[in-house]
Amino acid sequence: MAGKSHDFTLHQSSYGKEHLVFCILSDQRVFSSKAPDIYNQVMRQTGINGSYVPLMVDPDKIGQAMVSLRTFHIAGASVTVPFKEAVIPFMDSVSESAAIIGAVNTIARNKDKLKGYNTNAIGLMDAFEDIEFDPAGKNALIIGAGGAAKAAAFVLKWLKADKIFVVSQSEARSRQVAIQASGEFLSLEDLLDQTLPVDLLINASTVSSREDSAKYADMAEKLSLSHRCRLILDFNYGRKQNFWQEKAKKNHVQFQDGLLTLIHQARNTLALWTGLEIETDVFKKAMEAAV
């Protein structure tokens, strides 16, 4: 993996005459995603003959959903919580980076073959570049242990972060992500018993407000940040009273929500589906219109 390509192979589609249908797969949270607004706006502006729709899938029906992608000739699918790991057994193949990370957030269809990719990782890399934050030699704390956390751990290791700490409600899953990143896992209790010397905090869990989880909100409030901390990056966006944002403000730390990462991953995802490299500014304008 080198440079901007990051080992992704473009999936070529006929984007001219045929109307292409893309989708995003999740549970009930799919209807709060900004992705349909962003993709549809970009396709209108760039002349891609396509549409992007949200599809809610029951947790025990993900296998049937993969069959439906083929049946209904869905050109490509975005995959978000809680299915990034669950879809892997149903792929005909996965990219090298998705296999290493252990999570898929993008599916490209070529005839009846489905290939899984992970653009969360490259989206995070591009977001770091956008805000001019270099993780090299820095210590990082990852909150969460799902697909997004795995992508974050992969990126931090690739960009040569120094120490990587991982904490979540599941010590077993935290341990798995930490091992993947040659890092250290912590329990929530261990986290609150010390002040970790971290330069970066990444919230890769789905929780960012007290409405999501009072337990996590209390944890964030009690969490002691080192004076070294320069950035809190939250993969979530659009949350009212985001306690990570409040934490950053209280500690005079830069805060970045997940929209910037979404923009960059969306750009790379659309390139995988269509073979088109569209300027980042087009996606940023679409995001501004959606928000």
C-alpha atoms as a PDB file:
ATOM      1  CA  MET A   1       0.000   0.000   0.000  1.00  0.00           C
ATOM      2  CA  ALA A   2       1.582   3.262  -1.062  1.00  0.00           C
ATOM      3  CA  GLY A   3       0.580   6.811  -1.826  1.00  0.00           C
ATOM      4  CA  LYS A   4      -3.051   7.659  -2.508  1.00  0.00           C
ATOM      5  CA  SER A   5      -3.997   4.307  -4.023  1.00  0.00           C
ATOM      6  CA  HIS A   6      -3.906   2.467  -0.659  1.00  0.00           C
ATOM      7  CA  ASP A   7      -4.221  -0.881  -2.536  1.00  0.00           C
ATOM      8  CA  PHE A   8      -7.763  -0.201  -3.745  1.00  0.00           C
ATOM      9  CA  THR A   9      -8.593  -1.482  -7.233  1.00  0.00           C
ATOM     10  CA  LEU A  10     -11.287   0.517  -9.030  1.00  0.00           C
ATOM     11  CA  HIS A  11     -14.483  -1.328  -9.875  1.00  0.00           C
ATOM     12  CA  GLN A  12     -15.531  -0.291 -13.384  1.00  0.00           C
ATOM     13  CA  SER A  13     -19.250   0.252 -14.022  1.00  0.00           C
ATOM     14  CA  SER A  14     -21.247   1.506 -16.970  1.00  0.00           C
ATOM     15  CA  TYR A  15     -22.392   4.840 -15.567  1.00  0.00           C
ATOM     16  CA  GLY A  16     -23.789   6.296 -18.791  1.00  0.00           C
ATOM     17  CA  LYS A  17     -26.991   4.786 -20.181  1.00  0.00           C
ATOM     18  CA  GLU A  18     -27.876   2.377 -17.402  1.00  0.00           C
ATOM     19  CA  HIS A  19     -29.474   3.848 -14.261  1.00  0.00           C
ATOM     20  CA  LEU A  20     -27.375   2.588 -11.363  1.00  0.00           C
ATOM     21  CA  VAL A  21     -28.898   1.981  -7.947  1.00  0.00           C
ATOM     22  CA  PHE A  22     -26.684   2.158  -4.860  1.00  0.00           C
ATOM     23  CA  CYS A  23     -27.737   1.695  -1.246  1.00  0.00           C
ATOM     24  CA  ILE A  24     -26.666   1.899   2.371  1.00  0.00           C
ATOM     25  CA  LEU A  25     -27.370  -1.045   4.673  1.00  0.00           C
ATOM     26  CA  SER A  26     -27.936  -0.678   8.411  1.00  0.00           C
ATOM     27  CA  ASP A  27     -30.590  -1.185  11.072  1.00  0.00           C
ATOM     28  CA  GLN A  28     -33.115   1.546  11.964  1.00  0.00           C
ATOM     29  CA  ARG A  29     -30.237   4.033  12.177  1.00  0.00           C
ATOM     30  CA  VAL A  30     -29.983   3.993   8.380  1.00  0.00           C
ATOM     31  CA  PHE A  31     -32.666   6.679   8.184  1.00  0.00           C
ATOM     32  CA  SER A  32     -30.541   9.193  10.098  1.00  0.00           C
ATOM     33  CA  SER A  33     -27.580   8.835   7.725  1.00  0.00           C
ATOM     34  CA  LYS A  34     -26.548  11.825   5.610  1.00  0.00           C
ATOM     35  CA  ALA A  35     -24.999   9.511   3.014  1.00  0.00           C
ATOM     36  CA  PRO A  36     -28.060   9.364   0.695  1.00  0.00           C
ATOM     37  CA  ASP A  37     -28.256  13.170   0.571  1.00  0.00           C
ATOM     38  CA  ILE A  38     -24.536  13.472  -0.166  1.00  0.00           C
ATOM     39  CA  TYR A  39     -24.336  10.761  -2.832  1.00  0.00           C
ATOM     40  CA  ASN A  40     -27.502  11.822  -4.640  1.00  0.00           C
ATOM     41  CA  GLN A  41     -26.369  15.449  -4.704  1.00  0.00           C
ATOM     42  CA  VAL A  42     -22.945  14.455  -6.071  1.00  0.00           C
ATOM     43  CA  MET A  43     -24.480  12.244  -8.759  1.00  0.00           C
ATOM     44  CA  ARG A  44     -26.808  15.027  -9.876  1.00  0.00           C
ATOM     45  CA  GLN A  45     -23.944  17.506 -10.060  1.00  0.00           C
ATOM     46  CA  THR A  46     -21.607  15.183 -11.955  1.00  0.00           C
ATOM     47  CA  GLY A  47     -24.110  13.650 -14.343  1.00  0.00           C
ATOM     48  CA  ILE A  48     -23.948  10.108 -13.006  1.00  0.00           C
ATOM     49  CA  ASN A  49     -27.188   8.343 -13.935  1.00  0.00           C
ATOM     50  CA  GLY A  50     -27.884   6.812 -10.548  1.00  0.00           C
ATOM     51  CA  SER A  51     -29.602   6.962  -7.183  1.00  0.00           C
ATOM     52  CA  TYR A  52     -28.645   6.017  -3.625  1.00  0.00           C
ATOM     53  CA  VAL A  53     -31.232   4.733  -1.147  1.00  0.00           C
ATOM     54  CA  PRO A  54     -31.292   3.739   2.548  1.00  0.00           C
ATOM     55  CA  LEU A  55     -32.271   0.137   3.294  1.00  0.00           C
ATOM     56  CA  MET A  56     -33.043  -1.128   6.796  1.00  0.00           C
ATOM     57  CA  VAL A  57     -32.059  -4.756   7.374  1.00  0.00           C
ATOM     58  CA  ASP A  58     -33.068  -6.952  10.294  1.00  0.00           C
ATOM     59  CA  PRO A  59     -29.942  -8.296  12.061  1.00  0.00           C
ATOM     60  CA  ASP A  60     -30.809 -11.928  11.252  1.00  0.00           C
ATOM     61  CA  LYS A  61     -31.498 -11.173   7.569  1.00  0.00           C
ATOM     62  CA  ILE A  62     -28.110  -9.863   6.438  1.00  0.00           C
ATOM     63  CA  GLY A  63     -27.471 -12.994   4.357  1.00  0.00           C
ATOM     64  CA  GLN A  64     -30.764 -12.492   2.538  1.00  0.00           C
ATOM     65  CA  ALA A  65     -29.822  -8.860   1.975  1.00  0.00           C
ATOM     66  CA  MET A  66     -26.633  -9.966   0.200  1.00  0.00           C
ATOM     67  CA  VAL A  67     -28.681 -12.216  -2.085  1.00  0.00           C
ATOM     68  CA  SER A  68     -30.962  -9.243  -2.784  1.00  0.00           C
ATOM     69  CA  LEU A  69     -28.028  -7.117  -3.942  1.00  0.00           C
ATOM     70  CA  ARG A  70     -27.546  -9.622  -6.754  1.00  0.00           C
ATOM     71  CA  THR A  71     -31.257 -10.176  -7.387  1.00  0.00           C
ATOM     72  CA  PHE A  72     -32.067  -6.487  -7.757  1.00  0.00           C
ATOM     73  CA  HIS A  73     -28.815  -5.654  -9.579  1.00  0.00           C
ATOM     74  CA  ILE A  74     -27.715  -3.160  -6.930  1.00  0.00           C
ATOM     75  CA  ALA A  75     -24.530  -1.600  -8.350  1.00  0.00           C
ATOM     76  CA  GLY A  76     -22.917  -1.039  -4.962  1.00  0.00           C
ATOM     77  CA  ALA A  77     -23.688  -0.863  -1.271  1.00  0.00           C
ATOM     78  CA  SER A  78     -22.380   1.010   1.721  1.00  0.00           C
ATOM     79  CA  VAL A  79     -22.358  -1.025   4.925  1.00  0.00           C
ATOM     80  CA  THR A  80     -22.495   0.552   8.353  1.00  0.00           C
ATOM     81  CA  VAL A  81     -23.219  -0.531  11.930  1.00  0.00           C
ATOM     82  CA  PRO A  82     -24.014  -3.214  12.861  1.00  0.00           C
ATOM     83  CA  PHE A  83     -23.069  -5.161   9.725  1.00  0.00           C
ATOM     84  CA  LYS A  84     -19.454  -4.270   8.829  1.00  0.00           C
ATOM     85  CA  GLU A  85     -18.140  -7.581  10.119  1.00  0.00           C
ATOM     86  CA  ALA A  86     -21.283  -9.644   9.526  1.00  0.00           C
ATOM     87  CA  VAL A  87     -21.219  -9.210   5.727  1.00  0.00           C
ATOM     88  CA  ILE A  88     -17.715 -10.653   5.259  1.00  0.00           C
ATOM     89  CA  PRO A  89     -18.741 -14.350   5.013  1.00  0.00           C
ATOM     90  CA  PHE A  90     -21.134 -13.435   2.196  1.00  0.00           C
ATOM     91  CA  MET A  91     -18.493 -11.777   0.010  1.00  0.00           C
ATOM     92  CA  ASP A  92     -17.015 -13.575  -2.976  1.00  0.00           C
ATOM     93  CA  SER A  93     -13.778 -11.717  -2.254  1.00  0.00           C
ATOM     94  CA  VAL A  94     -12.467  -8.864  -0.125  1.00  0.00           C
ATOM     95  CA  SER A  95      -9.702  -6.331  -0.690  1.00  0.00           C
ATOM     96  CA  GLU A  96      -6.393  -6.800   1.076  1.00  0.00           C
ATOM     97  CA  SER A  97      -7.020  -3.893   3.435  1.00  0.00           C
ATOM     98  CA  ALA A  98     -10.554  -5.074   4.323  1.00  0.00           C
ATOM     99  CA  ALA A  99      -9.163  -8.532   5.093  1.00  0.00           C
ATOM    100  CA  ILE A 100      -6.473  -7.080   7.366  1.00  0.00           C
ATOM    101  CA  ILE A 101      -8.905  -4.744   9.118  1.00  0.00           C
ATOM    102  CA  GLY A 102     -11.589  -7.407   9.444  1.00  0.00           C
ATOM    103  CA  ALA A 103     -14.438  -5.108   8.403  1.00  0.00           C
ATOM    104  CA  VAL A 104     -16.199  -4.133   5.178  1.00  0.00           C
ATOM    105  CA  ASN A 105     -18.013  -0.834   4.656  1.00  0.00           C
ATOM    106  CA  THR A 106     -18.256  -0.904   0.846  1.00  0.00           C
ATOM    107  CA  ILE A 107     -19.521  -3.618  -1.491  1.00  0.00           C
ATOM    108  CA  ALA A 108     -19.003  -3.494  -5.251  1.00  0.00           C
ATOM    109  CA  ARG A 109     -20.986  -5.820  -7.522  1.00  0.00           C
ATOM    110  CA  ASN A 110     -19.523  -7.155 -10.757  1.00  0.00           C
ATOM    111  CA  LYS A 111     -22.212  -9.308 -12.397  1.00  0.00           C
ATOM    112  CA  ASP A 112     -23.039 -11.827  -9.646  1.00  0.00           C
ATOM    113  CA  LYS A 113     -19.809 -11.356  -7.722  1.00  0.00           C
ATOM    114  CA  LEU A 114     -19.630  -9.207  -4.583  1.00  0.00           C
ATOM    115  CA  LYS A 115     -16.330  -7.747  -3.416  1.00  0.00           C
ATOM    116  CA  GLY A 116     -15.901  -6.078  -0.041  1.00  0.00           C
ATOM    117  CA  TYR A 117     -13.690  -3.057   0.596  1.00  0.00           C
ATOM    118  CA  ASN A 118     -12.921  -0.794   3.534  1.00  0.00           C
ATOM    119  CA  THR A 119     -12.947   2.915   2.724  1.00  0.00           C
ATOM    120  CA  ASN A 120     -13.270   3.906   6.398  1.00  0.00           C
ATOM    121  CA  ALA A 121      -9.502   3.590   6.609  1.00  0.00           C
ATOM    122  CA  ILE A 122      -8.606   5.742   3.623  1.00  0.00           C
ATOM    123  CA  GLY A 123     -11.344   8.207   4.630  1.00  0.00           C
ATOM    124  CA  LEU A 124      -9.701   8.636   8.035  1.00  0.00           C
ATOM    125  CA  MET A 125      -6.250   9.000   6.463  1.00  0.00           C
ATOM    126  CA  ASP A 126      -7.532  11.734   4.154  1.00  0.00           C
ATOM    127  CA  ALA A 127      -9.322  13.462   7.051  1.00  0.00           C
ATOM    128  CA  PHE A 128      -6.074  13.581   9.044  1.00  0.00           C
ATOM    129  CA  GLU A 129      -4.377  15.131   6.028  1.00  0.00           C
ATOM    130  CA  ASP A 130      -7.203  17.647   5.618  1.00  0.00           C
ATOM    131  CA  ILE A 131      -6.906  18.930   9.190  1.00  0.00           C
ATOM    132  CA  GLU A 132      -3.101  18.663   9.105  1.00  0.00           C
ATOM    133  CA  PHE A 133      -2.832  16.181  11.958  1.00  0.00           C
ATOM    134  CA  ASP A 134      -0.033  13.637  11.692  1.00  0.00           C
ATOM    135  CA  PRO A 135      -0.390  10.640  14.059  1.00  0.00           C
ATOM    136  CA  ALA A 136       3.233   9.569  13.527  1.00  0.00           C
ATOM    137  CA  GLY A 137       5.031   9.207  16.844  1.00  0.00           C
ATOM    138  CA  LYS A 138       1.908  10.173  18.801  1.00  0.00           C
ATOM    139  CA  ASN A 139      -0.113   8.236  21.362  1.00  0.00           C
ATOM    140  CA  ALA A 140      -3.776   7.523  20.659  1.00  0.00           C
ATOM    141  CA  LEU A 141      -6.823   6.261  22.529  1.00  0.00           C
ATOM    142  CA  ILE A 142      -9.577   4.484  20.580  1.00  0.00           C
ATOM    143  CA  ILE A 143     -13.027   4.233  22.168  1.00  0.00           C
ATOM    144  CA  GLY A 144     -14.915   1.278  20.683  1.00  0.00           C
ATOM    145  CA  ALA A 145     -14.074  -2.127  19.258  1.00  0.00           C
ATOM    146  CA  GLY A 146     -16.272  -2.567  16.189  1.00  0.00           C
ATOM    147  CA  GLY A 147     -15.558  -2.114  12.488  1.00  0.00           C
ATOM    148  CA  ALA A 148     -14.792   1.598  12.764  1.00  0.00           C
ATOM    149  CA  ALA A 149     -12.375   0.966  15.637  1.00  0.00           C
ATOM    150  CA  LYS A 150     -10.609  -1.721  13.607  1.00  0.00           C
ATOM    151  CA  ALA A 151     -10.204   0.729  10.709  1.00  0.00           C
ATOM    152  CA  ALA A 152      -8.887   3.419  13.065  1.00  0.00           C
ATOM    153  CA  ALA A 153      -6.402   0.987  14.611  1.00  0.00           C
ATOM    154  CA  PHE A 154      -5.220  -0.053  11.148  1.00  0.00           C
ATOM    155  CA  VAL A 155      -4.714   3.577  10.090  1.00  0.00           C
ATOM    156  CA  LEU A 156      -2.862   4.558  13.261  1.00  0.00           C
ATOM    157  CA  LYS A 157      -0.514   1.604  12.952  1.00  0.00           C
ATOM    158  CA  TRP A 158       0.032   2.319   9.240  1.00  0.00           C
ATOM    159  CA  LEU A 159       0.774   5.990   9.956  1.00  0.00           C
ATOM    160  CA  LYS A 160       3.272   4.951  12.635  1.00  0.00           C
ATOM    161  CA  ALA A 161       1.521   6.140  15.779  1.00  0.00           C
ATOM    162  CA  ASP A 162       3.538   5.306  18.879  1.00  0.00           C
ATOM    163  CA  LYS A 163       1.259   3.853  21.577  1.00  0.00           C
ATOM    164  CA  ILE A 164      -2.327   2.848  20.790  1.00  0.00           C
ATOM    165  CA  PHE A 165      -4.794   2.194  23.612  1.00  0.00           C
ATOM    166  CA  VAL A 166      -8.192   0.568  23.000  1.00  0.00           C
ATOM    167  CA  VAL A 167     -11.157   0.571  25.360  1.00  0.00           C
ATOM    168  CA  SER A 168     -14.764  -0.576  24.976  1.00  0.00           C
ATOM    169  CA  GLN A 169     -17.493  -2.296  26.926  1.00  0.00           C
ATOM    170  CA  SER A 170     -16.195  -5.645  25.655  1.00  0.00           C
ATOM    171  CA  GLU A 171     -12.712  -6.444  26.918  1.00  0.00           C
ATOM    172  CA  ALA A 172     -12.481  -9.412  24.527  1.00  0.00           C
ATOM    173  CA  ARG A 173     -13.162  -7.229  21.485  1.00  0.00           C
ATOM    174  CA  SER A 174     -10.885  -4.455  22.793  1.00  0.00           C
ATOM    175  CA  ARG A 175      -8.104  -6.991  23.173  1.00  0.00           C
ATOM    176  CA  GLN A 176      -8.616  -8.167  19.585  1.00  0.00           C
ATOM    177  CA  VAL A 177      -8.404  -4.620  18.166  1.00  0.00           C
ATOM    178  CA  ALA A 178      -5.388  -3.800  20.356  1.00  0.00           C
ATOM    179  CA  ILE A 179      -3.518  -6.910  19.221  1.00  0.00           C
ATOM    180  CA  GLN A 180      -4.232  -5.992  15.606  1.00  0.00           C
ATOM    181  CA  ALA A 181      -2.631  -2.588  16.178  1.00  0.00           C
ATOM    182  CA  SER A 182       0.192  -3.846  18.423  1.00  0.00           C
ATOM    183  CA  GLY A 183      -1.442  -1.736  21.109  1.00  0.00           C
ATOM    184  CA  GLU A 184      -2.806  -2.128  24.618  1.00  0.00           C
ATOM    185  CA  PHE A 185      -6.377  -2.792  25.672  1.00  0.00           C
ATOM    186  CA  LEU A 186      -7.934  -1.245  28.762  1.00  0.00           C
ATOM    187  CA  SER A 187     -11.100  -1.771  30.740  1.00  0.00           C
ATOM    188  CA  LEU A 188     -13.347   1.228  31.380  1.00  0.00           C
ATOM    189  CA  GLU A 189     -12.279   1.066  35.020  1.00  0.00           C
ATOM    190  CA  ASP A 190      -8.583   1.105  34.081  1.00  0.00           C
ATOM    191  CA  LEU A 191      -9.195   4.077  31.811  1.00  0.00           C
ATOM    192  CA  LEU A 192     -10.707   6.168  34.584  1.00  0.00           C
ATOM    193  CA  ASP A 193      -8.001   5.248  37.097  1.00  0.00           C
ATOM    194  CA  GLN A 194      -5.272   7.110  35.241  1.00  0.00           C
ATOM    195  CA  THR A 195      -4.427  10.008  32.964  1.00  0.00           C
ATOM    196  CA  LEU A 196      -3.232   8.483  29.711  1.00  0.00           C
ATOM    197  CA  PRO A 197      -0.479  10.405  27.888  1.00  0.00           C
ATOM    198  CA  VAL A 198      -2.396  10.555  24.597  1.00  0.00           C
ATOM    199  CA  ASP A 199      -2.240  13.148  21.839  1.00  0.00           C
ATOM    200  CA  LEU A 200      -5.358  11.886  20.069  1.00  0.00           C
ATOM    201  CA  LEU A 201      -8.708  10.445  21.156  1.00  0.00           C
ATOM    202  CA  ILE A 202     -10.860   8.707  18.536  1.00  0.00           C
ATOM    203  CA  ASN A 203     -14.442   7.830  19.363  1.00  0.00           C
ATOM    204  CA  ALA A 204     -15.181   4.860  17.108  1.00  0.00           C
ATOM    205  CA  SER A 205     -18.198   3.747  19.129  1.00  0.00           C
ATOM    206  CA  THR A 206     -21.762   4.659  18.145  1.00  0.00           C
ATOM    207  CA  VAL A 207     -22.175   6.700  21.330  1.00  0.00           C
ATOM    208  CA  SER A 208     -21.739  10.482  21.447  1.00  0.00           C
ATOM    209  CA  SER A 209     -24.628  11.806  23.526  1.00  0.00           C
ATOM    210  CA  ARG A 210     -26.216  11.091  26.877  1.00  0.00           C
ATOM    211  CA  GLU A 211     -29.295  10.029  24.952  1.00  0.00           C
ATOM    212  CA  ASP A 212     -27.196   7.262  23.384  1.00  0.00           C
ATOM    213  CA  SER A 213     -25.711   6.071  26.684  1.00  0.00           C
ATOM    214  CA  ALA A 214     -25.666   7.698  30.114  1.00  0.00           C
ATOM    215  CA  LYS A 215     -22.852   5.318  31.121  1.00  0.00           C
ATOM    216  CA  TYR A 216     -20.570   6.529  28.314  1.00  0.00           C
ATOM    217  CA  ALA A 217     -21.513  10.145  28.980  1.00  0.00           C
ATOM    218  CA  ASP A 218     -20.467   9.754  32.618  1.00  0.00           C
ATOM    219  CA  MET A 219     -17.268   8.027  31.525  1.00  0.00           C
ATOM    220  CA  ALA A 220     -16.392  10.867  29.148  1.00  0.00           C
ATOM    221  CA  GLU A 221     -17.029  13.419  31.883  1.00  0.00           C
ATOM    222  CA  LYS A 222     -14.760  11.603  34.354  1.00  0.00           C
ATOM    223  CA  LEU A 223     -12.051  10.845  31.796  1.00  0.00           C
ATOM    224  CA  SER A 224      -8.849  12.737  32.578  1.00  0.00           C
ATOM    225  CA  LEU A 225      -7.174  14.034  29.418  1.00  0.00           C
ATOM    226  CA  SER A 226      -3.449  14.609  29.316  1.00  0.00           C
ATOM    227  CA  HIS A 227      -2.170  18.099  28.545  1.00  0.00           C
ATOM    228  CA  ARG A 228      -0.658  16.460  25.444  1.00  0.00           C
ATOM    229  CA  CYS A 229      -4.057  15.852  23.846  1.00  0.00           C
ATOM    230  CA  ARG A 230      -4.491  17.914  20.670  1.00  0.00           C
ATOM    231  CA  LEU A 231      -7.446  16.313  18.889  1.00  0.00           C
ATOM    232  CA  ILE A 232     -10.701  14.513  19.666  1.00  0.00           C
ATOM    233  CA  LEU A 233     -12.103  12.898  16.530  1.00  0.00           C
ATOM    234  CA  ASP A 234     -15.620  11.491  16.685  1.00  0.00           C
ATOM    235  CA  PHE A 235     -16.776   9.175  13.884  1.00  0.00           C
ATOM    236  CA  ASN A 236     -20.370  10.170  14.666  1.00  0.00           C
ATOM    237  CA  TYR A 237     -22.066  13.361  13.517  1.00  0.00           C
ATOM    238  CA  GLY A 238     -25.291  15.279  13.987  1.00  0.00           C
ATOM    239  CA  ARG A 239     -25.679  14.411  17.659  1.00  0.00           C
ATOM    240  CA  LYS A 240     -27.311  16.942  19.954  1.00  0.00           C
ATOM    241  CA  GLN A 241     -25.189  17.797  22.994  1.00  0.00           C
ATOM    242  CA  ASN A 242     -22.240  15.727  21.827  1.00  0.00           C
ATOM    243  CA  PHE A 243     -20.299  15.024  25.017  1.00  0.00           C
ATOM    244  CA  TRP A 244     -17.044  14.463  23.077  1.00  0.00           C
ATOM    245  CA  GLN A 245     -17.370  17.927  21.590  1.00  0.00           C
ATOM    246  CA  GLU A 246     -18.082  19.335  25.051  1.00  0.00           C
ATOM    247  CA  LYS A 247     -15.034  17.484  26.388  1.00  0.00           C
ATOM    248  CA  ALA A 248     -12.851  19.006  23.677  1.00  0.00           C
ATOM    249  CA  LYS A 249     -14.144  22.521  24.345  1.00  0.00           C
ATOM    250  CA  LYS A 250     -13.626  22.190  28.099  1.00  0.00           C
ATOM    251  CA  ASN A 251     -10.038  21.014  27.586  1.00  0.00           C
ATOM    252  CA  HIS A 252      -9.220  23.489  24.780  1.00  0.00           C
ATOM    253  CA  VAL A 253      -8.694  20.637  22.335  1.00  0.00           C
ATOM    254  CA  GLN A 254      -9.515  20.602  18.619  1.00  0.00           C
ATOM    255  CA  PHE A 255     -12.692  18.664  17.798  1.00  0.00           C
ATOM    256  CA  GLN A 256     -13.626  16.999  14.511  1.00  0.00           C
ATOM    257  CA  ASP A 257     -16.876  15.133  13.925  1.00  0.00           C
ATOM    258  CA  GLY A 258     -17.386  12.296  11.462  1.00  0.00           C
ATOM    259  CA  LEU A 259     -18.634  14.309   8.497  1.00  0.00           C
ATOM    260  CA  LEU A 260     -15.135  14.973   7.184  1.00  0.00           C
ATOM    261  CA  THR A 261     -14.257  11.273   7.285  1.00  0.00           C
ATOM    262  CA  LEU A 262     -17.616  10.504   5.636  1.00  0.00           C
ATOM    263  CA  ILE A 263     -16.840  12.917   2.787  1.00  0.00           C
ATOM    264  CA  HIS A 264     -13.502  11.297   2.048  1.00  0.00           C
ATOM    265  CA  GLN A 265     -14.748   7.724   2.343  1.00  0.00           C
ATOM    266  CA  ALA A 266     -17.736   8.562   0.127  1.00  0.00           C
ATOM    267  CA  ARG A 267     -15.429   9.944  -2.547  1.00  0.00           C
ATOM    268  CA  ASN A 268     -13.325   6.781  -2.521  1.00  0.00           C
ATOM    269  CA  THR A 269     -16.406   4.559  -2.427  1.00  0.00           C
ATOM    270  CA  LEU A 270     -17.956   6.211  -5.488  1.00  0.00           C
ATOM    271  CA  ALA A 271     -14.639   5.770  -7.311  1.00  0.00           C
ATOM    272  CA  LEU A 272     -14.755   2.048  -6.548  1.00  0.00           C
ATOM    273  CA  TRP A 273     -18.301   1.821  -7.921  1.00  0.00           C
ATOM    274  CA  THR A 274     -17.907   3.928 -11.050  1.00  0.00           C
ATOM    275  CA  GLY A 275     -14.202   4.363 -11.775  1.00  0.00           C
ATOM    276  CA  LEU A 276     -14.681   8.151 -11.554  1.00  0.00           C
ATOM    277  CA  GLU A 277     -12.328  10.313  -9.505  1.00  0.00           C
ATOM    278  CA  ILE A 278     -14.457  13.261  -8.369  1.00  0.00           C
ATOM    279  CA  GLU A 279     -12.972  16.292  -6.650  1.00  0.00           C
ATOM    280  CA  THR A 280     -13.293  16.384  -2.860  1.00  0.00           C
ATOM    281  CA  ASP A 281     -14.834  19.880  -3.016  1.00  0.00           C
ATOM    282  CA  VAL A 282     -17.876  18.440  -4.826  1.00  0.00           C
ATOM    283  CA  PHE A 283     -18.506  16.145  -1.866  1.00  0.00           C
ATOM    284  CA  LYS A 284     -17.882  18.950   0.635  1.00  0.00           C
ATOM    285  CA  LYS A 285     -20.481  21.161  -1.070  1.00  0.00           C
ATOM    286  CA  ALA A 286     -22.943  18.262  -1.142  1.00  0.00           C
ATOM    287  CA  MET A 287     -22.360  17.715   2.582  1.00  0.00           C
ATOM    288  CA  GLU A 288     -22.950  21.396   3.313  1.00  0.00           C
ATOM    289  CA  ALA A 289     -26.238  21.232   1.419  1.00  0.00           C
ATOM    290  CA  ALA A 290     -27.247  18.058   3.282  1.00  0.00           C
ATOM    291  CA  VAL A 291     -26.465  19.493   6.707  1.00  0.00           C
END
